[in-house]
C-alpha atoms as a PDB file:
ATOM      1  CA  MET A   1      35.471 151.482 -13.772  1.00  0.00           C
ATOM      2  CA  ASP A   2      39.123 150.269 -13.360  1.00  0.00           C
ATOM      3  CA  LEU A   3      38.855 146.484 -11.657  1.00  0.00           C
ATOM      4  CA  ARG A   4      42.476 146.395  -9.850  1.00  0.00           C
ATOM      5  CA  VAL A   5      42.170 150.690  -8.159  1.00  0.00           C
ATOM      6  CA  CYS A   6      45.058 152.379  -9.443  1.00  0.00           C
ATOM      7  CA  VAL A   7      47.564 151.920 -12.588  1.00  0.00           C
ATOM      8  CA  VAL A   8      47.427 148.053 -12.690  1.00  0.00           C
ATOM      9  CA  VAL A   9      50.574 146.692 -14.473  1.00  0.00           C
ATOM     10  CA  VAL A  10      52.535 147.674 -17.071  1.00  0.00           C
ATOM     11  CA  GLY A  11      53.858 151.411 -18.137  1.00  0.00           C
ATOM     12  CA  ILE A  12      56.626 152.821 -20.641  1.00  0.00           C
ATOM     13  CA  GLY A  13      55.111 153.151 -23.520  1.00  0.00           C
ATOM     14  CA  CYS A  14      58.339 153.326 -25.071  1.00  0.00           C
ATOM     15  CA  GLY A  15      62.271 152.767 -23.416  1.00  0.00           C
ATOM     16  CA  SER A  16      63.680 149.348 -22.160  1.00  0.00           C
ATOM     17  CA  VAL A  17      63.075 148.030 -18.725  1.00  0.00           C
ATOM     18  CA  SER A  18      66.305 146.771 -16.767  1.00  0.00           C
ATOM     19  CA  SER A  19      66.932 143.374 -16.079  1.00  0.00           C
ATOM     20  CA  LYS A  20      69.502 141.572 -13.548  1.00  0.00           C
ATOM     21  CA  PRO A  21      70.722 138.983 -14.994  1.00  0.00           C
ATOM     22  CA  ASP A  22      73.512 138.005 -12.610  1.00  0.00           C
ATOM     23  CA  ALA A  23      70.904 138.309  -9.471  1.00  0.00           C
ATOM     24  CA  ALA A  24      69.271 134.406  -7.606  1.00  0.00           C
ATOM     25  CA  THR A  25      67.000 132.416 -10.039  1.00  0.00           C
ATOM     26  CA  GLY A  26      64.062 132.599  -8.509  1.00  0.00           C
ATOM     27  CA  SER A  27      62.377 131.599 -11.779  1.00  0.00           C
ATOM     28  CA  ASP A  28      64.714 128.574 -12.383  1.00  0.00           C
ATOM     29  CA  VAL A  29      61.590 126.334 -12.525  1.00  0.00           C
ATOM     30  CA  ARG A  30      60.525 123.428 -15.103  1.00  0.00           C
ATOM     31  CA  PRO A  31      56.828 123.204 -16.476  1.00  0.00           C
ATOM     32  CA  VAL A  32      55.275 120.051 -17.168  1.00  0.00           C
ATOM     33  CA  ASP A  33      56.068 120.398 -20.939  1.00  0.00           C
ATOM     34  CA  SER A  34      59.868 121.344 -20.244  1.00  0.00           C
ATOM     35  CA  ALA A  35      61.614 118.350 -22.569  1.00  0.00           C
ATOM     36  CA  ALA A  36      59.821 120.195 -25.712  1.00  0.00           C
ATOM     37  CA  ALA A  37      61.234 123.505 -24.594  1.00  0.00           C
ATOM     38  CA  ALA A  38      62.866 125.575 -26.813  1.00  0.00           C
ATOM     39  CA  CYS A  39      65.220 127.718 -24.340  1.00  0.00           C
ATOM     40  CA  ASP A  40      67.201 126.755 -21.032  1.00  0.00           C
ATOM     41  CA  LEU A  41      64.698 126.786 -18.260  1.00  0.00           C
ATOM     42  CA  ALA A  42      67.561 126.874 -15.829  1.00  0.00           C
ATOM     43  CA  LYS A  43      68.774 130.400 -17.149  1.00  0.00           C
ATOM     44  CA  PRO A  44      66.817 133.403 -15.739  1.00  0.00           C
ATOM     45  CA  PHE A  45      64.322 135.364 -18.171  1.00  0.00           C
ATOM     46  CA  GLY A  46      66.108 138.069 -20.771  1.00  0.00           C
ATOM     47  CA  VAL A  47      64.965 141.600 -20.469  1.00  0.00           C
ATOM     48  CA  PRO A  48      61.777 142.264 -21.122  1.00  0.00           C
ATOM     49  CA  ILE A  49      60.282 143.941 -24.083  1.00  0.00           C
ATOM     50  CA  VAL A  50      57.064 145.521 -25.502  1.00  0.00           C
ATOM     51  CA  VAL A  51      55.100 143.850 -27.117  1.00  0.00           C
ATOM     52  CA  ALA A  52      54.895 145.184 -30.665  1.00  0.00           C
ATOM     53  CA  GLY A  53      51.400 146.167 -32.232  1.00  0.00           C
ATOM     54  CA  ILE A  54      49.171 146.397 -29.710  1.00  0.00           C
ATOM     55  CA  HIS A  55      49.294 149.989 -27.683  1.00  0.00           C
ATOM     56  CA  ASN A  56      47.622 152.705 -27.899  1.00  0.00           C
ATOM     57  CA  ALA A  57      50.086 155.965 -26.370  1.00  0.00           C
ATOM     58  CA  ALA A  58      46.994 157.509 -24.474  1.00  0.00           C
ATOM     59  CA  ALA A  59      45.535 154.538 -22.904  1.00  0.00           C
ATOM     60  CA  ASN A  60      46.383 151.899 -20.375  1.00  0.00           C
ATOM     61  CA  ASP A  61      46.495 147.723 -21.546  1.00  0.00           C
ATOM     62  CA  THR A  62      47.103 145.353 -19.265  1.00  0.00           C
ATOM     63  CA  HIS A  63      46.915 141.289 -18.863  1.00  0.00           C
ATOM     64  CA  ALA A  64      47.510 139.762 -21.856  1.00  0.00           C
ATOM     65  CA  THR A  65      46.538 135.994 -22.784  1.00  0.00           C
ATOM     66  CA  LEU A  66      46.830 134.364 -25.626  1.00  0.00           C
ATOM     67  CA  THR A  67      46.180 131.037 -27.405  1.00  0.00           C
ATOM     68  CA  ALA A  68      48.721 128.205 -27.718  1.00  0.00           C
ATOM     69  CA  ASP A  69      49.988 129.063 -31.167  1.00  0.00           C
ATOM     70  CA  GLU A  70      50.947 132.603 -30.028  1.00  0.00           C
ATOM     71  CA  LEU A  71      49.479 134.389 -33.205  1.00  0.00           C
ATOM     72  CA  THR A  72      46.033 135.185 -31.339  1.00  0.00           C
ATOM     73  CA  ILE A  73      46.103 137.714 -28.375  1.00  0.00           C
ATOM     74  CA  TYR A  74      43.428 139.016 -25.596  1.00  0.00           C
ATOM     75  CA  PHE A  75      44.176 141.991 -23.227  1.00  0.00           C
ATOM     76  CA  ALA A  76      41.977 144.617 -21.205  1.00  0.00           C
ATOM     77  CA  SER A  77      42.477 148.260 -22.358  1.00  0.00           C
ATOM     78  CA  ASP A  78      40.641 151.371 -21.118  1.00  0.00           C
ATOM     79  CA  ARG A  79      41.479 153.367 -24.564  1.00  0.00           C
ATOM     80  CA  GLU A  80      37.625 154.133 -25.001  1.00  0.00           C
ATOM     81  CA  ASN A  81      37.188 156.629 -22.268  1.00  0.00           C
ATOM     82  CA  ASN A  82      40.524 156.387 -19.983  1.00  0.00           C
ATOM     83  CA  GLN A  83      38.348 154.851 -17.499  1.00  0.00           C
ATOM     84  CA  THR A  84      36.693 151.887 -18.074  1.00  0.00           C
ATOM     85  CA  TRP A  85      38.605 148.459 -18.919  1.00  0.00           C
ATOM     86  CA  HIS A  86      37.425 146.581 -22.125  1.00  0.00           C
ATOM     87  CA  ILE A  87      38.734 143.357 -23.546  1.00  0.00           C
ATOM     88  CA  TYR A  88      40.717 143.631 -27.002  1.00  0.00           C
ATOM     89  CA  THR A  89      41.849 140.868 -29.519  1.00  0.00           C
ATOM     90  CA  ALA A  90      44.708 141.378 -32.107  1.00  0.00           C
ATOM     91  CA  THR A  91      46.276 138.499 -34.609  1.00  0.00           C
ATOM     92  CA  ARG A  92      49.977 138.230 -36.048  1.00  0.00           C
ATOM     93  CA  ALA A  93      51.017 136.148 -39.281  1.00  0.00           C
ATOM     94  CA  SER A  94      53.831 134.414 -36.494  1.00  0.00           C
ATOM     95  CA  ARG A  95      54.939 134.908 -33.368  1.00  0.00           C
ATOM     96  CA  ASN A  96      58.165 136.945 -34.075  1.00  0.00           C
ATOM     97  CA  ASP A  97      55.828 139.364 -36.241  1.00  0.00           C
ATOM     98  CA  ALA A  98      53.827 142.573 -34.732  1.00  0.00           C
ATOM     99  CA  PHE A  99      50.462 142.136 -33.881  1.00  0.00           C
ATOM    100  CA  GLY A 100      47.954 143.794 -36.207  1.00  0.00           C
ATOM    101  CA  ALA A 101      45.618 146.226 -34.597  1.00  0.00           C
ATOM    102  CA  PRO A 102      43.296 145.036 -31.682  1.00  0.00           C
ATOM    103  CA  THR A 103      39.326 145.510 -31.984  1.00  0.00           C
ATOM    104  CA  VAL A 104      36.800 145.249 -29.013  1.00  0.00           C
ATOM    105  CA  VAL A 105      35.821 142.052 -28.673  1.00  0.00           C
ATOM    106  CA  GLY A 106      31.871 143.118 -28.942  1.00  0.00           C
ATOM    107  CA  SER A 107      30.505 139.845 -27.640  1.00  0.00           C
ATOM    108  CA  THR A 108      32.076 140.516 -23.652  1.00  0.00           C
ATOM    109  CA  TYR A 109      31.346 144.564 -23.768  1.00  0.00           C
ATOM    110  CA  THR A 110      29.034 145.916 -20.943  1.00  0.00           C
ATOM    111  CA  ALA A 111      28.724 149.012 -19.985  1.00  0.00           C
ATOM    112  CA  GLU A 112      30.194 148.253 -16.459  1.00  0.00           C
ATOM    113  CA  GLY A 113      33.630 147.284 -18.214  1.00  0.00           C
ATOM    114  CA  GLU A 114      35.366 143.665 -18.045  1.00  0.00           C
ATOM    115  CA  SER A 115      39.148 142.821 -17.441  1.00  0.00           C
ATOM    116  CA  HIS A 116      41.674 140.493 -17.086  1.00  0.00           C
ATOM    117  CA  PRO A 117      40.814 138.084 -19.941  1.00  0.00           C
ATOM    118  CA  THR A 118      42.444 134.352 -19.689  1.00  0.00           C
ATOM    119  CA  VAL A 119      41.784 132.360 -22.962  1.00  0.00           C
ATOM    120  CA  ALA A 120      41.878 128.688 -23.307  1.00  0.00           C
ATOM    121  CA  PRO A 121      44.963 126.880 -25.504  1.00  0.00           C
ATOM    122  CA  ASP A 122      42.339 126.510 -28.606  1.00  0.00           C
ATOM    123  CA  GLY A 123      41.195 130.175 -28.169  1.00  0.00           C
ATOM    124  CA  ASN A 124      37.688 128.743 -27.821  1.00  0.00           C
ATOM    125  CA  THR A 125      36.757 129.739 -24.232  1.00  0.00           C
ATOM    126  CA  LEU A 126      37.164 133.036 -22.207  1.00  0.00           C
ATOM    127  CA  TYR A 127      37.420 134.349 -19.051  1.00  0.00           C
ATOM    128  CA  PHE A 128      37.695 137.636 -17.657  1.00  0.00           C
ATOM    129  CA  ASP A 129      36.460 139.713 -14.685  1.00  0.00           C
ATOM    130  CA  SER A 130      33.759 142.152 -14.485  1.00  0.00           C
ATOM    131  CA  PHE A 131      30.957 144.682 -12.241  1.00  0.00           C
ATOM    132  CA  ARG A 132      28.745 144.034 -14.285  1.00  0.00           C
ATOM    133  CA  VAL A 133      25.686 141.892 -12.082  1.00  0.00           C
ATOM    134  CA  SER A 134      25.995 144.366  -9.177  1.00  0.00           C
ATOM    135  CA  ALA A 135      27.712 147.382  -8.750  1.00  0.00           C
ATOM    136  CA  GLY A 136      30.855 147.033  -6.637  1.00  0.00           C
ATOM    137  CA  THR A 137      31.186 143.667  -7.260  1.00  0.00           C
ATOM    138  CA  VAL A 138      33.139 141.908  -8.942  1.00  0.00           C
ATOM    139  CA  HIS A 139      32.623 138.601 -10.406  1.00  0.00           C
ATOM    140  CA  ILE A 140      34.158 136.166 -13.198  1.00  0.00           C
ATOM    141  CA  PHE A 141      32.388 135.199 -16.141  1.00  0.00           C
ATOM    142  CA  THR A 142      33.302 132.826 -18.985  1.00  0.00           C
ATOM    143  CA  THR A 143      32.218 131.615 -22.532  1.00  0.00           C
ATOM    144  CA  THR A 144      32.801 129.291 -24.833  1.00  0.00           C
ATOM    145  CA  ARG A 145      32.492 129.225 -28.575  1.00  0.00           C
ATOM    146  CA  THR A 146      32.287 126.388 -30.998  1.00  0.00           C
ATOM    147  CA  SER A 147      34.618 127.934 -33.098  1.00  0.00           C
ATOM    148  CA  ALA A 148      37.021 130.973 -34.331  1.00  0.00           C
ATOM    149  CA  ALA A 149      34.929 131.786 -36.684  1.00  0.00           C
ATOM    150  CA  VAL A 150      31.802 132.396 -34.788  1.00  0.00           C
ATOM    151  CA  GLN A 151      31.594 135.142 -31.887  1.00  0.00           C
ATOM    152  CA  PHE A 152      31.862 134.496 -28.296  1.00  0.00           C
ATOM    153  CA  PRO A 153      28.446 133.946 -26.753  1.00  0.00           C
ATOM    154  CA  THR A 154      26.989 135.810 -24.121  1.00  0.00           C
ATOM    155  CA  ALA A 155      28.723 135.159 -20.577  1.00  0.00           C
ATOM    156  CA  THR A 156      27.570 133.604 -17.437  1.00  0.00           C
ATOM    157  CA  MET A 157      29.140 133.952 -13.592  1.00  0.00           C
ATOM    158  CA  ILE A 158      31.295 131.561 -12.274  1.00  0.00           C
ATOM    159  CA  THR A 159      30.415 131.035  -8.171  1.00  0.00           C
ATOM    160  CA  GLY A 160      32.024 133.370  -5.815  1.00  0.00           C
ATOM    161  CA  ASP A 161      32.080 137.189  -5.212  1.00  0.00           C
ATOM    162  CA  TYR A 162      35.080 139.780  -5.558  1.00  0.00           C
ATOM    163  CA  LEU A 163      37.212 137.544  -7.835  1.00  0.00           C
ATOM    164  CA  THR A 164      39.788 139.101 -10.577  1.00  0.00           C
ATOM    165  CA  ASP A 165      42.581 137.785 -12.190  1.00  0.00           C
ATOM    166  CA  PRO A 166      41.409 134.353 -13.683  1.00  0.00           C
ATOM    167  CA  ALA A 167      43.774 131.834 -15.391  1.00  0.00           C
ATOM    168  CA  ILE A 168      42.734 128.426 -16.370  1.00  0.00           C
ATOM    169  CA  THR A 169      45.374 125.373 -16.482  1.00  0.00           C
ATOM    170  CA  ILE A 170      46.217 123.995 -19.767  1.00  0.00           C
ATOM    171  CA  ASP A 171      43.955 121.071 -19.509  1.00  0.00           C
ATOM    172  CA  GLY A 172      41.239 123.138 -18.271  1.00  0.00           C
ATOM    173  CA  SER A 173      40.877 121.167 -15.265  1.00  0.00           C
ATOM    174  CA  VAL A 174      41.380 124.000 -12.628  1.00  0.00           C
ATOM    175  CA  LEU A 175      40.635 127.391 -12.407  1.00  0.00           C
ATOM    176  CA  TYR A 176      42.489 130.174 -10.353  1.00  0.00           C
ATOM    177  CA  ALA A 177      41.763 133.582  -9.194  1.00  0.00           C
ATOM    178  CA  ALA A 178      42.591 136.369  -6.615  1.00  0.00           C
ATOM    179  CA  THR A 179      40.300 136.863  -3.612  1.00  0.00           C
ATOM    180  CA  LEU A 180      39.650 140.734  -2.594  1.00  0.00           C
ATOM    181  CA  GLN A 181      38.079 139.481   0.421  1.00  0.00           C
ATOM    182  CA  THR A 182      41.262 138.147   2.035  1.00  0.00           C
ATOM    183  CA  GLY A 183      43.872 138.803  -0.403  1.00  0.00           C
ATOM    184  CA  GLY A 184      45.039 135.518  -1.501  1.00  0.00           C
ATOM    185  CA  LEU A 185      44.272 133.056  -3.824  1.00  0.00           C
ATOM    186  CA  VAL A 186      41.474 130.837  -4.654  1.00  0.00           C
ATOM    187  CA  ARG A 187      41.382 127.474  -7.077  1.00  0.00           C
ATOM    188  CA  MET A 188      38.086 126.326  -8.297  1.00  0.00           C
ATOM    189  CA  ASP A 189      38.208 122.695  -9.841  1.00  0.00           C
ATOM    190  CA  ARG A 190      36.330 121.316 -12.318  1.00  0.00           C
ATOM    191  CA  SER A 191      32.949 119.922 -12.163  1.00  0.00           C
ATOM    192  CA  GLY A 192      30.828 118.488 -14.972  1.00  0.00           C
ATOM    193  CA  SER A 193      30.456 121.432 -17.695  1.00  0.00           C
ATOM    194  CA  GLY A 194      31.211 124.584 -14.810  1.00  0.00           C
ATOM    195  CA  PHE A 195      33.456 124.848 -11.628  1.00  0.00           C
ATOM    196  CA  GLY A 196      32.964 124.052  -7.661  1.00  0.00           C
ATOM    197  CA  ALA A 197      33.089 126.728  -4.879  1.00  0.00           C
ATOM    198  CA  PRO A 198      36.221 128.559  -4.788  1.00  0.00           C
ATOM    199  CA  GLN A 199      38.364 126.697  -2.152  1.00  0.00           C
ATOM    200  CA  ALA A 200      41.521 128.984  -0.642  1.00  0.00           C
ATOM    201  CA  VAL A 201      44.877 128.197  -1.709  1.00  0.00           C
ATOM    202  CA  ALA A 202      47.249 127.967   1.614  1.00  0.00           C
ATOM    203  CA  LEU A 203      50.436 130.286   0.389  1.00  0.00           C
ATOM    204  CA  PRO A 204      53.212 130.214   3.160  1.00  0.00           C
ATOM    205  CA  SER A 205      53.533 133.692   4.910  1.00  0.00           C
ATOM    206  CA  THR A 206      53.100 135.655   1.792  1.00  0.00           C
ATOM    207  CA  GLY A 207      51.126 138.573   2.284  1.00  0.00           C
ATOM    208  CA  SER A 208      48.494 139.739  -0.268  1.00  0.00           C
ATOM    209  CA  VAL A 209      48.926 138.046  -4.128  1.00  0.00           C
ATOM    210  CA  VAL A 210      48.013 138.638  -7.159  1.00  0.00           C
ATOM    211  CA  SER A 211      47.880 137.583 -10.806  1.00  0.00           C
ATOM    212  CA  PRO A 212      48.229 133.986 -10.545  1.00  0.00           C
ATOM    213  CA  VAL A 213      49.674 132.569 -13.814  1.00  0.00           C
ATOM    214  CA  THR A 214      50.179 128.912 -13.852  1.00  0.00           C
ATOM    215  CA  ASN A 215      49.947 125.734 -16.838  1.00  0.00           C
ATOM    216  CA  ASP A 216      49.937 122.672 -14.648  1.00  0.00           C
ATOM    217  CA  ASP A 217      48.833 123.336 -11.491  1.00  0.00           C
ATOM    218  CA  LEU A 218      52.234 122.486 -10.433  1.00  0.00           C
ATOM    219  CA  THR A 219      54.193 126.325 -11.008  1.00  0.00           C
ATOM    220  CA  MET A 220      52.581 129.118 -10.504  1.00  0.00           C
ATOM    221  CA  PHE A 221      53.805 132.906 -11.164  1.00  0.00           C
ATOM    222  CA  MET A 222      52.207 135.716  -9.406  1.00  0.00           C
ATOM    223  CA  SER A 223      52.453 138.885  -7.907  1.00  0.00           C
ATOM    224  CA  PHE A 224      52.895 140.206  -4.607  1.00  0.00           C
ATOM    225  CA  GLY A 225      50.759 143.350  -3.689  1.00  0.00           C
ATOM    226  CA  ASP A 226      47.803 144.405  -2.138  1.00  0.00           C
ATOM    227  CA  THR A 227      44.479 144.384  -4.944  1.00  0.00           C
ATOM    228  CA  VAL A 228      47.609 145.727  -7.199  1.00  0.00           C
ATOM    229  CA  GLY A 229      51.057 143.672  -7.551  1.00  0.00           C
ATOM    230  CA  SER A 230      54.587 145.075  -7.652  1.00  0.00           C
ATOM    231  CA  GLU A 231      57.025 142.318  -7.424  1.00  0.00           C
ATOM    232  CA  ILE A 232      56.479 138.978 -10.229  1.00  0.00           C
ATOM    233  CA  ALA A 233      57.041 135.691  -7.994  1.00  0.00           C
ATOM    234  CA  VAL A 234      57.564 131.986  -8.083  1.00  0.00           C
ATOM    235  CA  THR A 235      55.793 129.332  -6.461  1.00  0.00           C
ATOM    236  CA  GLN A 236      56.689 125.310  -7.411  1.00  0.00           C
ATOM    237  CA  ARG A 237      55.598 122.164  -5.825  1.00  0.00           C
ATOM    238  CA  THR A 238      56.357 118.400  -7.368  1.00  0.00           C
ATOM    239  CA  ALA A 239      52.547 116.556  -6.835  1.00  0.00           C
ATOM    240  CA  THR A 240      49.220 118.777  -6.802  1.00  0.00           C
ATOM    241  CA  THR A 241      48.479 116.838  -3.486  1.00  0.00           C
ATOM    242  CA  THR A 242      51.028 118.331  -2.053  1.00  0.00           C
ATOM    243  CA  GLY A 243      51.018 122.404  -0.932  1.00  0.00           C
ATOM    244  CA  PHE A 244      53.031 125.549  -2.706  1.00  0.00           C
ATOM    245  CA  PRO A 245      56.154 126.100  -0.779  1.00  0.00           C
ATOM    246  CA  MET A 246      56.658 129.964  -0.110  1.00  0.00           C
ATOM    247  CA  PRO A 247      56.915 131.615  -3.406  1.00  0.00           C
ATOM    248  CA  THR A 248      60.258 133.556  -4.023  1.00  0.00           C
ATOM    249  CA  ARG A 249      60.750 136.940  -5.978  1.00  0.00           C
ATOM    250  CA  VAL A 250      62.012 136.746  -9.929  1.00  0.00           C
ATOM    251  CA  ALA A 251      64.831 138.728  -9.720  1.00  0.00           C
ATOM    252  CA  GLU A 252      65.777 139.473 -13.522  1.00  0.00           C
ATOM    253  CA  LEU A 253      62.231 140.545 -13.564  1.00  0.00           C
ATOM    254  CA  ALA A 254      62.433 143.223 -10.757  1.00  0.00           C
ATOM    255  CA  THR A 255      62.495 146.960 -12.284  1.00  0.00           C
ATOM    256  CA  GLY A 256      60.769 149.411  -9.547  1.00  0.00           C
ATOM    257  CA  ALA A 257      58.003 148.936 -11.444  1.00  0.00           C
ATOM    258  CA  THR A 258      54.849 150.589  -9.369  1.00  0.00           C
ATOM    259  CA  VAL A 259      53.181 148.131 -10.886  1.00  0.00           C
ATOM    260  CA  ALA A 260      54.464 144.234 -12.288  1.00  0.00           C
ATOM    261  CA  GLU A 261      52.478 141.089 -12.957  1.00  0.00           C
ATOM    262  CA  PRO A 262      52.526 138.180 -14.802  1.00  0.00           C
ATOM    263  CA  SER A 263      50.128 137.145 -16.782  1.00  0.00           C
ATOM    264  CA  TRP A 264      50.237 133.938 -19.052  1.00  0.00           C
ATOM    265  CA  LEU A 265      53.068 131.777 -19.971  1.00  0.00           C
ATOM    266  CA  SER A 266      53.736 129.456 -22.940  1.00  0.00           C
ATOM    267  CA  ALA A 267      53.534 126.219 -22.711  1.00  0.00           C
ATOM    268  CA  ASP A 268      57.526 125.749 -22.668  1.00  0.00           C
ATOM    269  CA  GLY A 269      57.538 127.748 -20.000  1.00  0.00           C
ATOM    270  CA  CYS A 270      59.880 129.716 -22.377  1.00  0.00           C
ATOM    271  CA  ARG A 271      58.138 133.063 -22.783  1.00  0.00           C
ATOM    272  CA  LEU A 272      56.279 135.251 -20.109  1.00  0.00           C
ATOM    273  CA  TYR A 273      53.410 137.696 -21.157  1.00  0.00           C
ATOM    274  CA  LEU A 274      53.905 140.439 -18.067  1.00  0.00           C
ATOM    275  CA  THR A 275      52.328 144.146 -17.715  1.00  0.00           C
ATOM    276  CA  TYR A 276      54.446 146.852 -15.287  1.00  0.00           C
ATOM    277  CA  ALA A 277      53.590 150.327 -15.032  1.00  0.00           C
ATOM    278  CA  MET A 278      56.552 152.736 -13.828  1.00  0.00           C
ATOM    279  CA  GLY A 279      56.008 155.965 -11.714  1.00  0.00           C
ATOM    280  CA  THR A 280      52.805 157.218 -13.309  1.00  0.00           C
ATOM    281  CA  GLY A 281      53.008 156.030 -16.794  1.00  0.00           C
ATOM    282  CA  LYS A 282      51.052 153.742 -18.379  1.00  0.00           C
ATOM    283  CA  GLN A 283      50.346 150.362 -18.039  1.00  0.00           C
ATOM    284  CA  THR A 284      52.055 148.424 -20.656  1.00  0.00           C
ATOM    285  CA  ILE A 285      52.342 144.704 -21.747  1.00  0.00           C
ATOM    286  CA  TYR A 286      55.773 143.124 -21.936  1.00  0.00           C
ATOM    287  CA  THR A 287      57.133 139.884 -22.705  1.00  0.00           C
ATOM    288  CA  ALA A 288      60.250 138.134 -21.265  1.00  0.00           C
ATOM    289  CA  THR A 289      61.909 134.969 -22.979  1.00  0.00           C
ATOM    290  CA  ARG A 290      64.335 132.123 -21.156  1.00  0.00           C
ATOM    291  CA  PRO A 291      68.118 132.363 -23.586  1.00  0.00           C
ATOM    292  CA  LEU A 292      68.515 128.866 -25.291  1.00  0.00           C
END
């Protein structure tokens, strides 16, 4: 079961992805933690590189999400049978190391599959999408554990049909998602221990978009495309009380990929994880880093 129809995100099991550092920097944005950034946020992202240690050359891997320390990664893969997506996790000793061998997150596993995980910064709350409730209808689910020493409990469904690509803000106050009903984005505001009903996000004249990524509810990365994104874009507003302006393409991440979608941004805004698929190649997870 492919929650996205066709090859979602990222290809090229090996080789490099070309960048365009001289192009206009649509990604010139400053997240909340910019004062502590370990890079120059005015500079474009560098050439994306494959995330080492997690990939299976015969499988599609997509939509990476990390804990705040960047030592634990979650992602979706169809490596079990090349049809059904499931969530995998891996760890590493430092941010510069390769990840160890991935293992399936067994407590989220169902025969219907699950994909597009998003993890809270502390690593103890996981969001993902799945067809598990009713065939043909995708929903977002969430599960919270008490610590990393225990398994995630059974996930519960969040209100809203045909929602994919969950993205939680760092403070956990807003959950964004793509909606297959309109081709746009929705937001769900925290309400007690859950979330309110999905509300449409107004994005001027963008067409269909998927794969939202935001840390602070001010700067948002996304991808242009109908069910599958092929061009990474960014939009930034100055206050949460105003709407998002027209998203602009992130020129240095335009590689000619069949699929190109962002999935996670570090708190300092320096590292963006994304998925590319080149032609009929496998989906592969990359990271792009802004220089000092």
